[in-house]
Amino acid sequence: MIVLCGIVVVAVGVGLIGVAVMTAVKPQLTERFLRSFASSARAHYTEQAVRMIAGGAIVTFAPSMWYPNLFGGFGWIIIVTTAGLLLIPWQWHHKFGTWAIPLAIRHIGLYAIGTFALGTLLLYGVSRAVLS
């Protein structure tokens, strides 16, 4: 189970870096991707399932990572915020997205830098398990 969680954490890190690269190369694809968030009940619940899997994998794998408390806390933040999003109607999430997504798009360069940094940080954290 730990190995599977490590694979998921690596996939999340690589995925975040991929989104950052995509943003640098084709920002319009990232805009389309962001606009799809909470655009329907199906999109909302799919997003929450992915977030819950990622958060659970990070929490489970955190003891094997550099700075286990930092990564464990980060994973719990993902889990708790996902649980909160699951408790509200998806339309509320969509309404929040109509405010937040244009803000992210307006600052797409910062979004790309943050996404790249987070992906890199996750891969750095995982490197402890690989190197030891």
N, C-alpha and C. Protein backbone atom coordinates (compact mmCIF):
# COMPACT_ATOMS: atom_id res chain seq x y z
N MET A 1 0.82 -1.20 0.00
CA MET A 1 0.00 0.00 0.00
C MET A 1 0.86 1.26 0.00
N ILE A 2 1.95 1.22 0.76
CA ILE A 2 2.85 2.38 0.83
C ILE A 2 3.44 2.68 -0.54
N VAL A 3 3.84 1.64 -1.25
CA VAL A 3 4.42 1.82 -2.58
C VAL A 3 3.40 2.45 -3.52
N LEU A 4 2.16 1.98 -3.48
CA LEU A 4 1.10 2.55 -4.31
C LEU A 4 0.89 4.02 -3.97
N CYS A 5 0.89 4.35 -2.69
CA CYS A 5 0.73 5.76 -2.29
C CYS A 5 1.91 6.60 -2.79
N GLY A 6 3.12 6.04 -2.73
CA GLY A 6 4.28 6.75 -3.26
C GLY A 6 4.15 7.01 -4.75
N ILE A 7 3.63 6.03 -5.47
CA ILE A 7 3.42 6.19 -6.92
C ILE A 7 2.40 7.30 -7.17
N VAL A 8 1.33 7.32 -6.37
CA VAL A 8 0.31 8.37 -6.53
C VAL A 8 0.92 9.75 -6.24
N VAL A 9 1.73 9.86 -5.19
CA VAL A 9 2.35 11.15 -4.86
C VAL A 9 3.28 11.59 -5.99
N VAL A 10 4.05 10.68 -6.53
CA VAL A 10 4.91 11.02 -7.67
C VAL A 10 4.06 11.47 -8.86
N ALA A 11 2.97 10.75 -9.12
CA ALA A 11 2.09 11.12 -10.23
C ALA A 11 1.50 12.51 -10.03
N VAL A 12 1.13 12.83 -8.80
CA VAL A 12 0.59 14.17 -8.51
C VAL A 12 1.67 15.22 -8.76
N GLY A 13 2.88 14.98 -8.28
CA GLY A 13 3.98 15.92 -8.49
C GLY A 13 4.29 16.13 -9.97
N VAL A 14 4.39 15.02 -10.71
CA VAL A 14 4.65 15.11 -12.15
C VAL A 14 3.49 15.79 -12.86
N GLY A 15 2.27 15.48 -12.43
CA GLY A 15 1.09 16.12 -13.03
C GLY A 15 1.09 17.63 -12.82
N LEU A 16 1.44 18.06 -11.62
CA LEU A 16 1.50 19.50 -11.34
C LEU A 16 2.56 20.18 -12.20
N ILE A 17 3.71 19.55 -12.32
CA ILE A 17 4.77 20.10 -13.17
C ILE A 17 4.29 20.12 -14.63
N GLY A 18 3.58 19.08 -15.04
CA GLY A 18 3.02 19.05 -16.40
C GLY A 18 2.05 20.19 -16.65
N VAL A 19 1.21 20.48 -15.67
CA VAL A 19 0.27 21.61 -15.80
C VAL A 19 1.06 22.92 -15.91
N ALA A 20 2.13 23.05 -15.14
CA ALA A 20 2.95 24.27 -15.21
C ALA A 20 3.59 24.42 -16.59
N VAL A 21 4.12 23.34 -17.13
CA VAL A 21 4.72 23.38 -18.46
C VAL A 21 3.65 23.69 -19.51
N MET A 22 2.49 23.03 -19.40
CA MET A 22 1.40 23.30 -20.32
C MET A 22 1.00 24.77 -20.27
N THR A 23 0.99 25.33 -19.06
CA THR A 23 0.63 26.74 -18.90
C THR A 23 1.63 27.64 -19.60
N ALA A 24 2.90 27.29 -19.52
CA ALA A 24 3.93 28.10 -20.17
C ALA A 24 3.86 27.98 -21.70
N VAL A 25 3.54 26.79 -22.19
CA VAL A 25 3.53 26.54 -23.62
C VAL A 25 2.20 26.92 -24.27
N LYS A 26 1.10 26.52 -23.67
CA LYS A 26 -0.24 26.76 -24.23
C LYS A 26 -1.18 27.20 -23.11
N PRO A 27 -1.10 28.45 -22.70
CA PRO A 27 -1.93 28.92 -21.58
C PRO A 27 -3.43 28.76 -21.82
N GLN A 28 -3.86 28.78 -23.08
CA GLN A 28 -5.29 28.62 -23.36
C GLN A 28 -5.79 27.23 -22.96
N LEU A 29 -4.92 26.21 -23.03
CA LEU A 29 -5.32 24.87 -22.57
C LEU A 29 -5.51 24.86 -21.06
N THR A 30 -4.65 25.56 -20.35
CA THR A 30 -4.80 25.65 -18.90
C THR A 30 -6.07 26.41 -18.55
N GLU A 31 -6.37 27.46 -19.28
CA GLU A 31 -7.62 28.20 -19.05
C GLU A 31 -8.81 27.27 -19.21
N ARG A 32 -8.83 26.48 -20.26
CA ARG A 32 -9.94 25.55 -20.49
C ARG A 32 -10.01 24.52 -19.36
N PHE A 33 -8.85 24.03 -18.94
CA PHE A 33 -8.78 23.06 -17.85
C PHE A 33 -9.35 23.67 -16.57
N LEU A 34 -8.94 24.88 -16.23
CA LEU A 34 -9.43 25.53 -15.01
C LEU A 34 -10.92 25.81 -15.08
N ARG A 35 -11.40 26.22 -16.23
CA ARG A 35 -12.82 26.53 -16.37
C ARG A 35 -13.70 25.28 -16.26
N SER A 36 -13.11 24.11 -16.42
CA SER A 36 -13.90 22.88 -16.30
C SER A 36 -14.17 22.50 -14.84
N PHE A 37 -13.43 23.10 -13.90
CA PHE A 37 -13.62 22.77 -12.49
C PHE A 37 -15.03 23.14 -12.05
N ALA A 38 -15.71 22.22 -11.43
CA ALA A 38 -17.05 22.41 -10.87
C ALA A 38 -18.04 22.94 -11.89
N SER A 39 -17.79 22.66 -13.16
CA SER A 39 -18.71 23.12 -14.21
C SER A 39 -19.98 22.29 -14.25
N SER A 40 -19.95 21.13 -13.61
CA SER A 40 -21.13 20.26 -13.51
C SER A 40 -20.97 19.43 -12.24
N ALA A 41 -22.05 18.75 -11.86
CA ALA A 41 -21.97 17.87 -10.69
C ALA A 41 -20.90 16.79 -10.92
N ARG A 42 -20.88 16.24 -12.12
CA ARG A 42 -19.91 15.18 -12.44
C ARG A 42 -18.47 15.70 -12.31
N ALA A 43 -18.20 16.88 -12.86
CA ALA A 43 -16.86 17.46 -12.77
C ALA A 43 -16.49 17.72 -11.31
N HIS A 44 -17.44 18.24 -10.54
CA HIS A 44 -17.21 18.54 -9.12
C HIS A 44 -16.83 17.27 -8.37
N TYR A 45 -17.62 16.21 -8.52
CA TYR A 45 -17.36 14.99 -7.76
C TYR A 45 -16.11 14.25 -8.26
N THR A 46 -15.82 14.36 -9.54
CA THR A 46 -14.58 13.77 -10.06
C THR A 46 -13.38 14.50 -9.46
N GLU A 47 -13.45 15.82 -9.44
CA GLU A 47 -12.37 16.62 -8.85
C GLU A 47 -12.18 16.24 -7.38
N GLN A 48 -13.26 16.08 -6.64
CA GLN A 48 -13.15 15.74 -5.22
C GLN A 48 -12.57 14.35 -5.02
N ALA A 49 -12.93 13.42 -5.89
CA ALA A 49 -12.37 12.06 -5.79
C ALA A 49 -10.85 12.09 -6.02
N VAL A 50 -10.43 12.83 -7.02
CA VAL A 50 -8.99 12.95 -7.31
C VAL A 50 -8.27 13.61 -6.13
N ARG A 51 -8.86 14.67 -5.60
CA ARG A 51 -8.26 15.37 -4.45
C ARG A 51 -8.16 14.44 -3.23
N MET A 52 -9.22 13.67 -2.97
CA MET A 52 -9.22 12.78 -1.80
C MET A 52 -8.16 11.69 -1.96
N ILE A 53 -8.04 11.13 -3.16
CA ILE A 53 -7.00 10.12 -3.42
C ILE A 53 -5.62 10.72 -3.22
N ALA A 54 -5.40 11.92 -3.78
CA ALA A 54 -4.09 12.57 -3.65
C ALA A 54 -3.79 12.89 -2.19
N GLY A 55 -4.75 13.48 -1.49
CA GLY A 55 -4.54 13.82 -0.08
C GLY A 55 -4.27 12.59 0.77
N GLY A 56 -5.05 11.54 0.55
CA GLY A 56 -4.85 10.30 1.30
C GLY A 56 -3.49 9.68 1.02
N ALA A 57 -3.07 9.71 -0.24
CA ALA A 57 -1.76 9.17 -0.59
C ALA A 57 -0.64 9.98 0.06
N ILE A 58 -0.78 11.29 0.07
CA ILE A 58 0.25 12.14 0.69
C ILE A 58 0.33 11.87 2.19
N VAL A 59 -0.83 11.79 2.86
CA VAL A 59 -0.84 11.51 4.30
C VAL A 59 -0.21 10.15 4.59
N THR A 60 -0.57 9.16 3.81
CA THR A 60 -0.07 7.79 4.03
C THR A 60 1.42 7.69 3.76
N PHE A 61 1.90 8.39 2.73
CA PHE A 61 3.30 8.30 2.34
C PHE A 61 4.19 9.30 3.09
N ALA A 62 3.60 10.29 3.75
CA ALA A 62 4.37 11.35 4.41
C ALA A 62 5.47 10.84 5.34
N PRO A 63 5.24 9.79 6.14
CA PRO A 63 6.33 9.33 7.02
C PRO A 63 7.59 8.89 6.27
N SER A 64 7.47 8.57 5.00
CA SER A 64 8.62 8.16 4.19
C SER A 64 9.28 9.34 3.49
N MET A 65 8.70 10.53 3.61
CA MET A 65 9.17 11.70 2.87
C MET A 65 10.05 12.59 3.75
N TRP A 66 10.81 13.48 3.09
CA TRP A 66 11.50 14.54 3.82
C TRP A 66 10.41 15.38 4.47
N TYR A 67 10.63 15.89 5.64
CA TYR A 67 9.68 16.75 6.37
C TYR A 67 8.30 16.11 6.46
N PRO A 68 8.22 14.95 7.12
CA PRO A 68 6.95 14.22 7.17
C PRO A 68 5.81 15.02 7.78
N ASN A 69 6.08 15.86 8.77
CA ASN A 69 5.01 16.66 9.38
C ASN A 69 4.46 17.69 8.40
N LEU A 70 5.32 18.30 7.64
CA LEU A 70 4.89 19.28 6.64
C LEU A 70 4.01 18.62 5.59
N PHE A 71 4.47 17.51 5.04
CA PHE A 71 3.70 16.84 4.00
C PHE A 71 2.45 16.18 4.56
N GLY A 72 2.54 15.63 5.76
CA GLY A 72 1.35 15.08 6.39
C GLY A 72 0.29 16.14 6.61
N GLY A 73 0.72 17.30 7.10
CA GLY A 73 -0.21 18.42 7.29
C GLY A 73 -0.81 18.88 5.98
N PHE A 74 0.00 18.94 4.95
CA PHE A 74 -0.49 19.34 3.63
C PHE A 74 -1.54 18.35 3.13
N GLY A 75 -1.26 17.06 3.29
CA GLY A 75 -2.22 16.04 2.88
C GLY A 75 -3.53 16.17 3.65
N TRP A 76 -3.44 16.43 4.96
CA TRP A 76 -4.66 16.61 5.75
C TRP A 76 -5.44 17.84 5.33
N ILE A 77 -4.74 18.90 4.96
CA ILE A 77 -5.44 20.10 4.46
C ILE A 77 -6.24 19.75 3.21
N ILE A 78 -5.64 18.97 2.33
CA ILE A 78 -6.35 18.54 1.11
C ILE A 78 -7.58 17.71 1.49
N ILE A 79 -7.42 16.78 2.41
CA ILE A 79 -8.53 15.91 2.81
C ILE A 79 -9.65 16.72 3.45
N VAL A 80 -9.32 17.59 4.38
CA VAL A 80 -10.34 18.37 5.09
C VAL A 80 -11.07 19.33 4.15
N THR A 81 -10.33 20.01 3.28
CA THR A 81 -11.01 20.93 2.34
C THR A 81 -11.85 20.16 1.34
N THR A 82 -11.41 18.97 0.96
CA THR A 82 -12.20 18.14 0.07
C THR A 82 -13.49 17.70 0.75
N ALA A 83 -13.39 17.29 2.00
CA ALA A 83 -14.59 16.89 2.76
C ALA A 83 -15.56 18.07 2.84
N GLY A 84 -15.02 19.27 3.06
CA GLY A 84 -15.88 20.46 3.08
C GLY A 84 -16.58 20.68 1.75
N LEU A 85 -15.85 20.51 0.67
CA LEU A 85 -16.45 20.69 -0.66
C LEU A 85 -17.50 19.61 -0.96
N LEU A 86 -17.31 18.44 -0.38
CA LEU A 86 -18.29 17.37 -0.58
C LEU A 86 -19.58 17.62 0.21
N LEU A 87 -19.48 18.42 1.26
CA LEU A 87 -20.64 18.69 2.11
C LEU A 87 -21.52 19.84 1.60
N ILE A 88 -21.00 20.59 0.64
CA ILE A 88 -21.79 21.70 0.11
C ILE A 88 -22.34 21.34 -1.27
N PRO A 89 -23.41 21.98 -1.68
CA PRO A 89 -23.91 21.71 -3.04
C PRO A 89 -22.85 22.10 -4.08
N TRP A 90 -22.74 21.31 -5.13
CA TRP A 90 -21.71 21.57 -6.14
C TRP A 90 -21.89 22.94 -6.77
N GLN A 91 -23.12 23.46 -6.81
CA GLN A 91 -23.37 24.77 -7.39
C GLN A 91 -22.63 25.87 -6.62
N TRP A 92 -22.47 25.70 -5.31
CA TRP A 92 -21.73 26.68 -4.52
C TRP A 92 -20.26 26.68 -4.94
N HIS A 93 -19.72 25.49 -5.16
CA HIS A 93 -18.35 25.37 -5.64
C HIS A 93 -18.22 26.04 -7.01
N HIS A 94 -19.20 25.80 -7.86
CA HIS A 94 -19.20 26.42 -9.19
C HIS A 94 -19.25 27.95 -9.06
N LYS A 95 -20.09 28.45 -8.16
CA LYS A 95 -20.20 29.91 -7.97
C LYS A 95 -18.87 30.49 -7.48
N PHE A 96 -18.21 29.80 -6.56
CA PHE A 96 -16.89 30.23 -6.10
C PHE A 96 -15.91 30.24 -7.27
N GLY A 97 -15.99 29.21 -8.12
CA GLY A 97 -15.10 29.12 -9.28
C GLY A 97 -15.28 30.27 -10.25
N THR A 98 -16.53 30.76 -10.39
CA THR A 98 -16.75 31.89 -11.30
C THR A 98 -16.03 33.14 -10.81
N TRP A 99 -15.72 33.19 -9.51
CA TRP A 99 -14.94 34.31 -8.97
C TRP A 99 -13.45 34.00 -9.02
N ALA A 100 -13.06 32.78 -8.61
CA ALA A 100 -11.65 32.45 -8.43
C ALA A 100 -10.91 32.14 -9.73
N ILE A 101 -11.58 31.49 -10.66
CA ILE A 101 -10.89 31.08 -11.90
C ILE A 101 -10.42 32.27 -12.72
N PRO A 102 -11.24 33.32 -12.92
CA PRO A 102 -10.71 34.48 -13.64
C PRO A 102 -9.51 35.12 -12.94
N LEU A 103 -9.48 35.06 -11.62
CA LEU A 103 -8.34 35.59 -10.88
C LEU A 103 -7.08 34.77 -11.19
N ALA A 104 -7.22 33.44 -11.20
CA ALA A 104 -6.09 32.57 -11.54
C ALA A 104 -5.63 32.81 -12.98
N ILE A 105 -6.59 32.98 -13.87
CA ILE A 105 -6.25 33.21 -15.28
C ILE A 105 -5.56 34.56 -15.46
N ARG A 106 -6.02 35.56 -14.72
CA ARG A 106 -5.40 36.89 -14.80
C ARG A 106 -3.94 36.82 -14.35
N HIS A 107 -3.64 35.93 -13.42
CA HIS A 107 -2.27 35.79 -12.90
C HIS A 107 -1.71 34.41 -13.27
N ILE A 108 -1.90 34.04 -14.53
CA ILE A 108 -1.55 32.70 -14.99
C ILE A 108 -0.06 32.39 -14.82
N GLY A 109 0.79 33.40 -14.93
CA GLY A 109 2.23 33.19 -14.73
C GLY A 109 2.53 32.78 -13.29
N LEU A 110 1.92 33.47 -12.34
CA LEU A 110 2.10 33.10 -10.93
C LEU A 110 1.51 31.72 -10.65
N TYR A 111 0.37 31.44 -11.28
CA TYR A 111 -0.25 30.12 -11.15
C TYR A 111 0.73 29.04 -11.62
N ALA A 112 1.37 29.26 -12.76
CA ALA A 112 2.32 28.29 -13.30
C ALA A 112 3.52 28.11 -12.37
N ILE A 113 4.02 29.20 -11.84
CA ILE A 113 5.17 29.13 -10.93
C ILE A 113 4.79 28.37 -9.66
N GLY A 114 3.63 28.67 -9.10
CA GLY A 114 3.17 27.98 -7.90
C GLY A 114 2.93 26.51 -8.14
N THR A 115 2.34 26.17 -9.28
CA THR A 115 2.08 24.78 -9.62
C THR A 115 3.39 24.02 -9.80
N PHE A 116 4.34 24.64 -10.48
CA PHE A 116 5.65 24.03 -10.67
C PHE A 116 6.36 23.83 -9.33
N ALA A 117 6.31 24.85 -8.48
CA ALA A 117 6.98 24.77 -7.17
C ALA A 117 6.36 23.66 -6.32
N LEU A 118 5.05 23.56 -6.31
CA LEU A 118 4.38 22.53 -5.51
C LEU A 118 4.73 21.13 -6.03
N GLY A 119 4.71 20.96 -7.34
CA GLY A 119 5.08 19.66 -7.92
C GLY A 119 6.52 19.29 -7.60
N THR A 120 7.41 20.27 -7.70
CA THR A 120 8.82 20.04 -7.39
C THR A 120 9.01 19.71 -5.91
N LEU A 121 8.30 20.42 -5.05
CA LEU A 121 8.37 20.16 -3.61
C LEU A 121 7.91 18.74 -3.27
N LEU A 122 6.82 18.31 -3.91
CA LEU A 122 6.35 16.93 -3.68
C LEU A 122 7.40 15.91 -4.14
N LEU A 123 7.98 16.13 -5.30
CA LEU A 123 9.00 15.19 -5.79
C LEU A 123 10.24 15.21 -4.90
N TYR A 124 10.60 16.39 -4.41
CA TYR A 124 11.72 16.48 -3.45
C TYR A 124 11.41 15.67 -2.21
N GLY A 125 10.19 15.82 -1.69
CA GLY A 125 9.79 15.07 -0.50
C GLY A 125 9.88 13.57 -0.72
N VAL A 126 9.45 13.13 -1.88
CA VAL A 126 9.48 11.69 -2.21
C VAL A 126 10.92 11.19 -2.36
N SER A 127 11.82 12.08 -2.76
CA SER A 127 13.20 11.65 -3.04
C SER A 127 13.85 10.99 -1.82
N ARG A 128 13.39 11.31 -0.62
CA ARG A 128 13.96 10.68 0.57
C ARG A 128 13.74 9.17 0.54
N ALA A 129 12.54 8.77 0.13
CA ALA A 129 12.22 7.34 0.07
C ALA A 129 13.05 6.64 -1.00
N VAL A 130 13.33 7.36 -2.07
CA VAL A 130 14.09 6.77 -3.18
C VAL A 130 15.58 6.71 -2.84
N LEU A 131 16.09 7.73 -2.16
CA LEU A 131 17.51 7.83 -1.89
C LEU A 131 17.95 7.04 -0.65
N SER A 132 17.03 6.68 0.22
CA SER A 132 17.47 5.98 1.44
C SER A 132 17.23 4.50 1.38
